[in-house]
């Protein structure tokens, strides 16, 4: 193999985009080779599939360099592609898929005296490192409902012009490898103020770590990062009351999933500021663009299996998931100490809570989640 071809399916310069229902999404597929030991692309092709409806044929390139890969009757004889064109082949039973988008340059240096196409002059150094090219553009329509959609690229293949060829009497080519493929995710969300649609942990479930606890809040539309004080984390007291101490400053906040999910994350260098076996409420407090919400969670360190108590079943779950590699404990309930691993240290913590954690702490009265 020669160089690898890396491709990225993007909209608005990103692999993630948030759009309203029914929006027309413009996309582009960008390609770049992994090294400069060749003289650039000679041929490229791939399939595209859209999992939320019809995928029309892509646009035919009309400008350099990719128009040199196109044959279109009555328009250009420069390149070579499938009968339905560089813009991809639509099969009768595949309305959401384009087959073999792409084409090839005239690396055989054919002339019109021999065959009517291809007749273009080969262009060198296309898609070299540092000079990515737009391989194709196109568009599709987002559905009319709130949903997550994907435009995925697969079956990628490519040839490159070798580094040692002089292109006389023709250009020598060789197969390129398949590099990184980054696909496009489309979040379809309604307009207006965003509503909380789910949380992790869910209302009434537990935070289980001794440090590094996190809370995920998912909304039905994109939100702005809250300013200080616009999210509060307070202990629940009886009669619907709260502690006066707001612990939100112990969490960092970051947006995920196209701006529709907020992650509140404790640090991992010191013990959690949340007291074990106490109930806490996460509430909106003047957060612009977000409707009011309240999520109540229990702190029950060592609760792996979401029973809101600690038992031998939690230790068994850790035994079945042991993994010493850094990162294998990310977002996993088996990681009790927040070190991103699942180890005997986590099991030891659970064992230490077995006696005191068997009974589920009662939630203070007068509190209900919203929504």
Protein backbone atom coordinates (compact mmCIF):
# COMPACT_ATOMS: atom_id res chain seq x y z
CA UNK A 1 0.00 0.00 0.00
CA UNK A 2 1.01 3.57 -0.63
CA UNK A 3 -0.32 6.45 1.45
CA UNK A 4 -3.60 6.11 3.35
CA UNK A 5 -6.55 8.27 2.39
CA UNK A 6 -8.25 9.90 5.40
CA UNK A 7 -11.79 11.20 4.86
CA UNK A 8 -14.18 13.32 6.90
CA UNK A 9 -17.91 13.81 6.28
CA UNK A 10 -18.77 17.32 7.50
CA UNK A 11 -21.47 19.96 7.59
CA UNK A 12 -20.58 23.51 8.48
CA UNK A 13 -16.97 22.44 9.08
CA UNK A 14 -17.85 19.90 11.77
CA UNK A 15 -18.65 16.20 12.15
CA UNK A 16 -21.63 17.16 14.35
CA UNK A 17 -24.42 19.57 13.49
CA UNK A 18 -27.70 20.54 15.16
CA UNK A 19 -30.61 21.50 12.88
CA UNK A 20 -34.36 22.12 13.22
CA UNK A 21 -36.86 19.57 11.88
CA UNK A 22 -37.16 19.59 8.08
CA UNK A 23 -33.92 21.51 7.52
CA UNK A 24 -31.91 20.98 4.35
CA UNK A 25 -28.40 19.92 5.37
CA UNK A 26 -25.46 20.71 3.07
CA UNK A 27 -22.55 18.30 3.49
CA UNK A 28 -19.09 17.80 2.06
CA UNK A 29 -16.65 14.90 2.05
CA UNK A 30 -13.06 16.02 2.60
CA UNK A 31 -10.04 13.86 1.80
CA UNK A 32 -6.34 14.09 2.59
CA UNK A 33 -3.47 11.62 2.17
CA UNK A 34 -1.39 10.51 5.13
CA UNK A 35 2.03 11.27 3.57
CA UNK A 36 3.62 13.05 0.61
CA UNK A 37 5.53 10.07 -0.81
CA UNK A 38 3.13 9.88 -3.76
CA UNK A 39 2.02 12.41 -6.38
CA UNK A 40 -1.55 12.57 -5.19
CA UNK A 41 -4.94 11.05 -5.91
CA UNK A 42 -5.57 9.22 -9.17
CA UNK A 43 -8.92 7.63 -8.33
CA UNK A 44 -11.38 7.72 -5.45
CA UNK A 45 -14.71 6.08 -4.68
CA UNK A 46 -16.97 5.36 -1.72
CA UNK A 47 -20.54 4.66 -0.65
CA UNK A 48 -22.70 6.99 1.45
CA UNK A 49 -25.73 6.06 3.54
CA UNK A 50 -28.21 8.26 5.43
CA UNK A 51 -30.23 6.56 8.17
CA UNK A 52 -33.10 9.09 8.37
CA UNK A 53 -34.59 9.10 4.88
CA UNK A 54 -33.84 9.59 1.22
CA UNK A 55 -30.29 10.46 0.15
CA UNK A 56 -30.31 12.26 -3.23
CA UNK A 57 -27.40 11.95 -5.62
CA UNK A 58 -24.47 14.17 -4.71
CA UNK A 59 -23.32 17.21 -6.68
CA UNK A 60 -21.06 16.76 -9.68
CA UNK A 61 -17.73 18.59 -9.18
CA UNK A 62 -17.40 21.48 -11.62
CA UNK A 63 -14.14 23.07 -10.47
CA UNK A 64 -10.53 21.85 -10.14
CA UNK A 65 -9.20 19.54 -9.05
CA UNK A 66 -12.09 17.08 -8.73
CA UNK A 67 -13.75 18.00 -12.04
CA UNK A 68 -10.74 16.26 -13.61
CA UNK A 69 -12.20 12.99 -12.26
CA UNK A 70 -15.58 13.48 -14.00
CA UNK A 71 -17.11 12.26 -17.24
CA UNK A 72 -20.52 13.77 -17.97
CA UNK A 73 -21.98 13.43 -21.43
CA UNK A 74 -22.19 16.75 -23.21
CA UNK A 75 -20.31 18.52 -20.39
CA UNK A 76 -16.83 17.08 -19.84
CA UNK A 77 -14.78 14.13 -21.03
CA UNK A 78 -11.93 14.72 -18.55
CA UNK A 79 -12.35 11.72 -16.27
CA UNK A 80 -14.03 8.37 -15.82
CA UNK A 81 -16.89 7.33 -13.53
CA UNK A 82 -19.88 5.00 -13.26
CA UNK A 83 -22.76 5.36 -15.76
CA UNK A 84 -24.91 7.40 -13.31
CA UNK A 85 -22.01 9.78 -12.82
CA UNK A 86 -19.48 10.91 -10.24
CA UNK A 87 -22.46 11.87 -8.04
CA UNK A 88 -23.13 8.22 -7.14
CA UNK A 89 -25.37 5.38 -8.27
CA UNK A 90 -28.92 5.04 -6.92
CA UNK A 91 -30.16 1.44 -6.77
CA UNK A 92 -33.92 0.83 -6.91
CA UNK A 93 -34.11 -0.79 -3.47
CA UNK A 94 -31.75 1.65 -1.70
CA UNK A 95 -33.27 5.10 -1.44
CA UNK A 96 -30.97 6.00 1.48
CA UNK A 97 -27.68 4.92 -0.11
CA UNK A 98 -25.37 6.17 -2.85
CA UNK A 99 -23.04 3.58 -4.36
CA UNK A 100 -19.55 4.40 -5.64
CA UNK A 101 -19.52 8.17 -5.50
CA UNK A 102 -16.33 9.32 -7.22
CA UNK A 103 -14.24 8.87 -10.34
CA UNK A 104 -10.77 8.62 -11.83
CA UNK A 105 -8.33 10.83 -13.66
CA UNK A 106 -7.03 10.04 -17.13
CA UNK A 107 -3.84 8.44 -15.83
CA UNK A 108 -3.71 6.17 -18.92
CA UNK A 109 -3.40 9.42 -20.92
CA UNK A 110 -6.03 8.41 -23.42
CA UNK A 111 -6.76 10.80 -26.29
CA UNK A 112 -9.96 11.36 -28.26
CA UNK A 113 -8.40 9.59 -31.24
CA UNK A 114 -8.46 6.34 -29.25
CA UNK A 115 -11.67 6.68 -27.20
CA UNK A 116 -14.07 9.57 -26.54
CA UNK A 117 -13.18 9.62 -22.81
CA UNK A 118 -11.28 10.11 -20.56
CA UNK A 119 -9.26 12.88 -22.18
CA UNK A 120 -8.14 15.13 -19.30
CA UNK A 121 -4.54 15.97 -18.47
CA UNK A 122 -3.55 14.29 -15.17
CA UNK A 123 -3.27 16.71 -12.26
CA UNK A 124 -0.58 15.95 -9.67
CA UNK A 125 -0.38 16.38 -5.88
CA UNK A 126 -4.11 16.29 -5.19
CA UNK A 127 -4.99 15.83 -1.47
CA UNK A 128 -1.43 15.96 -0.20
CA UNK A 129 -0.89 16.43 3.57
CA UNK A 130 -1.73 19.99 4.55
CA UNK A 131 -3.87 20.47 1.41
CA UNK A 132 -7.13 18.54 1.92
CA UNK A 133 -9.64 18.61 -0.93
CA UNK A 134 -13.42 18.50 -1.06
CA UNK A 135 -14.09 15.21 -2.82
CA UNK A 136 -17.82 15.80 -3.18
CA UNK A 137 -20.69 17.91 -1.86
CA UNK A 138 -24.38 17.17 -1.52
CA UNK A 139 -27.51 17.73 0.51
CA UNK A 140 -30.39 15.91 2.19
CA UNK A 141 -33.43 16.81 4.25
CA UNK A 142 -33.67 16.27 8.00
CA UNK A 143 -36.82 14.50 9.25
CA UNK A 144 -39.71 16.37 10.85
CA UNK A 145 -39.17 14.82 14.28
CA UNK A 146 -36.55 15.18 17.00
CA UNK A 147 -34.02 12.42 16.29
CA UNK A 148 -30.31 11.69 15.91
CA UNK A 149 -29.29 10.92 12.31
CA UNK A 150 -26.05 9.85 10.64
CA UNK A 151 -24.46 10.25 7.23
CA UNK A 152 -21.89 7.46 7.04
CA UNK A 153 -19.17 6.75 4.49
CA UNK A 154 -18.02 3.19 3.80
CA UNK A 155 -16.42 0.97 1.13
CA UNK A 156 -13.72 3.59 0.55
CA UNK A 157 -11.15 2.86 -2.16
CA UNK A 158 -8.51 4.97 -3.87
CA UNK A 159 -5.47 4.91 -6.11
CA UNK A 160 -2.56 7.34 -6.07
CA UNK A 161 0.00 8.38 -8.64
CA UNK A 162 3.33 6.91 -7.57
CA UNK A 163 6.14 9.14 -6.43
CA UNK A 164 8.59 7.86 -9.02
CA UNK A 165 6.50 8.12 -12.19
CA UNK A 166 7.09 10.80 -14.83
CA UNK A 167 3.62 10.20 -16.37
CA UNK A 168 5.26 9.28 -19.65
CA UNK A 169 3.80 7.60 -21.61
CA UNK A 170 1.24 7.16 -18.79
CA UNK A 171 1.03 7.73 -15.04
CA UNK A 172 1.92 4.74 -12.91
CA UNK A 173 -0.54 4.28 -10.03
CA UNK A 174 -0.92 2.05 -6.99
CA UNK A 175 -3.60 1.32 -4.44
CA UNK A 176 -3.92 3.59 -1.42
CA UNK A 177 -4.82 2.36 2.03
CA UNK A 178 -7.98 3.27 3.92
CA UNK A 179 -7.14 5.71 6.71
CA UNK A 180 -9.37 7.39 9.28
CA UNK A 181 -13.05 7.84 8.42
CA UNK A 182 -14.98 10.49 10.38
CA UNK A 183 -18.72 10.43 9.75
CA UNK A 184 -21.39 13.10 10.22
CA UNK A 185 -23.92 13.09 13.10
CA UNK A 186 -27.03 15.24 12.75
CA UNK A 187 -29.06 16.20 15.83
CA UNK A 188 -32.58 17.21 14.81
CA UNK A 189 -34.13 19.32 17.58
CA UNK A 190 -37.15 21.62 17.81
CA UNK A 191 -36.83 25.34 18.44
CA UNK A 192 -37.76 27.36 21.53
CA UNK A 193 -36.52 26.97 25.08
CA UNK A 194 -35.00 23.55 25.71
CA UNK A 195 -36.65 21.02 28.01
CA UNK A 196 -34.81 18.40 30.04
CA UNK A 197 -35.71 14.99 28.57
CA UNK A 198 -33.47 12.63 30.54
CA UNK A 199 -30.60 12.46 33.00
CA UNK A 200 -27.94 9.98 34.01
CA UNK A 201 -28.28 9.00 36.78
CA UNK A 202 -32.03 9.26 36.35
CA UNK A 203 -34.17 10.90 39.00
CA UNK A 204 -34.12 8.79 42.16
CA UNK A 205 -30.98 6.87 41.19
CA UNK A 206 -27.57 7.08 42.82
CA UNK A 207 -24.16 8.66 42.40
CA UNK A 208 -21.78 5.85 43.23
CA UNK A 209 -18.19 7.14 43.31
CA UNK A 210 -15.97 8.32 46.14
CA UNK A 211 -14.61 10.98 43.73
CA UNK A 212 -15.14 11.92 40.10
CA UNK A 213 -18.94 11.60 40.11
CA UNK A 214 -20.70 12.93 37.02
CA UNK A 215 -24.23 13.84 36.00
CA UNK A 216 -25.47 14.00 32.38
CA UNK A 217 -28.44 16.25 31.56
CA UNK A 218 -29.96 15.73 28.08
CA UNK A 219 -32.24 18.33 26.46
CA UNK A 220 -34.55 18.37 23.44
CA UNK A 221 -32.57 21.18 21.85
CA UNK A 222 -29.13 22.80 21.93
CA UNK A 223 -28.31 24.86 25.02
CA UNK A 224 -25.65 27.37 25.99
CA UNK A 225 -23.13 26.56 28.70
CA UNK A 226 -24.63 27.78 32.00
CA UNK A 227 -22.94 30.62 33.85
CA UNK A 228 -21.96 30.37 37.50
CA UNK A 229 -25.03 29.95 39.69
CA UNK A 230 -27.38 28.92 36.86
CA UNK A 231 -27.11 25.26 37.91
CA UNK A 232 -27.34 24.43 41.61
CA UNK A 233 -26.45 21.22 43.46
CA UNK A 234 -27.91 21.31 46.97
CA UNK A 235 -28.69 18.76 49.68
CA UNK A 236 -32.38 17.97 50.11
CA UNK A 237 -33.96 18.75 53.48
CA UNK A 238 -37.40 17.83 54.79
CA UNK A 239 -40.57 19.74 53.83
CA UNK A 240 -39.24 20.50 50.34
CA UNK A 241 -36.38 22.61 51.69
CA UNK A 242 -32.74 22.73 50.59
CA UNK A 243 -29.42 23.28 52.27
CA UNK A 244 -28.13 26.82 51.77
CA UNK A 245 -24.81 25.41 50.48
CA UNK A 246 -24.58 25.13 46.69
CA UNK A 247 -21.97 22.52 45.66
CA UNK A 248 -22.13 23.21 41.91
CA UNK A 249 -18.69 24.86 42.00
CA UNK A 250 -17.20 21.42 42.70
CA UNK A 251 -18.25 20.35 39.19
CA UNK A 252 -16.86 21.36 35.82
CA UNK A 253 -19.44 21.73 33.06
CA UNK A 254 -19.13 20.85 29.37
CA UNK A 255 -21.53 20.49 26.44
CA UNK A 256 -21.73 17.27 24.45
CA UNK A 257 -23.87 15.70 21.70
CA UNK A 258 -24.09 18.81 19.56
CA UNK A 259 -24.85 21.03 22.53
CA UNK A 260 -27.89 19.02 23.63
CA UNK A 261 -26.24 17.38 26.65
CA UNK A 262 -24.57 18.98 29.68
CA UNK A 263 -21.96 17.04 31.66
CA UNK A 264 -21.34 18.01 35.28
CA UNK A 265 -18.09 16.32 36.34
CA UNK A 266 -16.31 16.25 39.70
CA UNK A 267 -12.54 16.16 39.83
CA UNK A 268 -10.64 12.98 40.65
CA UNK A 269 -7.84 14.39 42.82
CA UNK A 270 -9.86 14.83 46.02
CA UNK A 271 -12.80 13.13 47.67
CA UNK A 272 -16.30 14.08 46.58
CA UNK A 273 -17.87 17.07 48.32
CA UNK A 274 -21.16 15.16 48.33
CA UNK A 275 -21.85 13.34 51.60
CA UNK A 276 -22.43 9.62 51.36
CA UNK A 277 -26.03 8.43 51.87
CA UNK A 278 -27.49 11.91 51.46
CA UNK A 279 -29.95 13.11 48.80
CA UNK A 280 -29.16 16.05 46.49
CA UNK A 281 -31.14 18.07 43.96
CA UNK A 282 -29.75 19.41 40.68
CA UNK A 283 -31.85 22.41 39.65
CA UNK A 284 -32.01 25.11 37.00
CA UNK A 285 -31.58 28.63 38.40
CA UNK A 286 -32.11 31.33 35.76
CA UNK A 287 -30.37 29.46 32.95
CA UNK A 288 -31.28 31.35 29.77
CA UNK A 289 -32.90 29.28 27.01
CA UNK A 290 -33.69 26.34 29.33
CA UNK A 291 -37.00 25.60 31.01
CA UNK A 292 -36.92 24.86 34.73
CA UNK A 293 -36.04 21.35 35.90
CA UNK A 294 -35.09 19.41 39.01
CA UNK A 295 -33.31 16.04 39.27
CA UNK A 296 -32.93 14.34 42.68
CA UNK A 297 -30.13 11.81 43.21
CA UNK A 298 -28.87 9.77 46.14
CA UNK A 299 -25.18 9.52 46.99
CA UNK A 300 -24.62 5.82 47.68
CA UNK A 301 -20.96 5.02 47.28
CA UNK A 302 -20.39 1.53 45.91
CA UNK A 303 -23.84 1.11 44.31
CA UNK A 304 -22.85 -0.53 41.03
CA UNK A 305 -26.18 -2.08 40.03
CA UNK A 306 -28.55 0.86 40.63
CA UNK A 307 -30.32 -0.60 43.66
CA UNK A 308 -29.57 2.51 45.78
CA UNK A 309 -27.86 0.26 48.35
CA UNK A 310 -24.60 -1.68 48.60
CA UNK A 311 -24.53 -5.47 48.55
CA UNK A 312 -22.34 -8.41 47.59
CA UNK A 313 -23.88 -8.19 44.11
CA UNK A 314 -22.02 -4.92 43.59
CA UNK A 315 -18.69 -6.56 44.48
CA UNK A 316 -19.50 -9.43 42.10
CA UNK A 317 -20.24 -6.98 39.30
CA UNK A 318 -16.79 -5.45 39.76
CA UNK A 319 -15.14 -8.87 39.73
CA UNK A 320 -16.80 -9.57 36.38
CA UNK A 321 -15.60 -6.30 34.87
CA UNK A 322 -11.99 -6.03 36.10
CA UNK A 323 -9.86 -4.01 33.70
CA UNK A 324 -6.54 -2.39 34.58
CA UNK A 325 -6.19 -0.37 31.37
CA UNK A 326 -6.58 3.38 31.84
CA UNK A 327 -9.87 4.50 30.34
CA UNK A 328 -11.74 1.22 30.60
CA UNK A 329 -13.58 2.59 33.64
CA UNK A 330 -14.74 5.80 31.96
CA UNK A 331 -18.42 6.42 32.78
CA UNK A 332 -18.67 2.85 34.17
CA UNK A 333 -20.44 2.22 37.46
CA UNK A 334 -17.87 -0.48 38.32
CA UNK A 335 -15.26 2.30 38.71
CA UNK A 336 -15.90 3.37 42.31
CA UNK A 337 -12.80 5.46 43.04
CA UNK A 338 -12.88 7.46 39.78
CA UNK A 339 -9.41 6.40 38.58
CA UNK A 340 -10.77 5.34 35.14
CA UNK A 341 -9.92 1.70 35.86
CA UNK A 342 -11.89 -1.22 37.31
CA UNK A 343 -9.73 -2.95 39.91
CA UNK A 344 -9.59 -4.69 43.28
CA UNK A 345 -9.38 -1.22 44.84
CA UNK A 346 -12.96 -0.59 43.71
CA UNK A 347 -14.05 -3.92 45.14
CA UNK A 348 -12.41 -3.10 48.47
CA UNK A 349 -14.37 0.14 48.68
CA UNK A 350 -17.61 -1.74 48.09
CA UNK A 351 -16.72 -4.29 50.75
CA UNK A 352 -16.11 -1.44 53.20
CA UNK A 353 -19.65 -0.12 52.63
CA UNK A 354 -21.47 -3.47 52.84
CA UNK A 355 -22.56 -3.10 56.46
CA UNK A 356 -23.66 0.52 56.46
CA UNK A 357 -25.04 0.59 52.92
CA UNK A 358 -27.57 -2.25 53.00
CA UNK A 359 -30.53 0.00 53.83
CA UNK A 360 -31.70 2.60 51.30
CA UNK A 361 -31.67 6.10 52.83
CA UNK A 362 -35.13 7.65 52.82
CA UNK A 363 -35.56 10.67 50.57
CA UNK A 364 -36.55 13.84 52.48
CA UNK A 365 -40.22 14.72 52.11
CA UNK A 366 -41.73 17.35 49.85
CA UNK A 367 -39.37 16.82 46.87
CA UNK A 368 -40.38 15.74 43.36
CA UNK A 369 -38.44 15.71 40.12
CA UNK A 370 -39.44 18.03 37.29
CA UNK A 371 -40.13 16.93 34.66
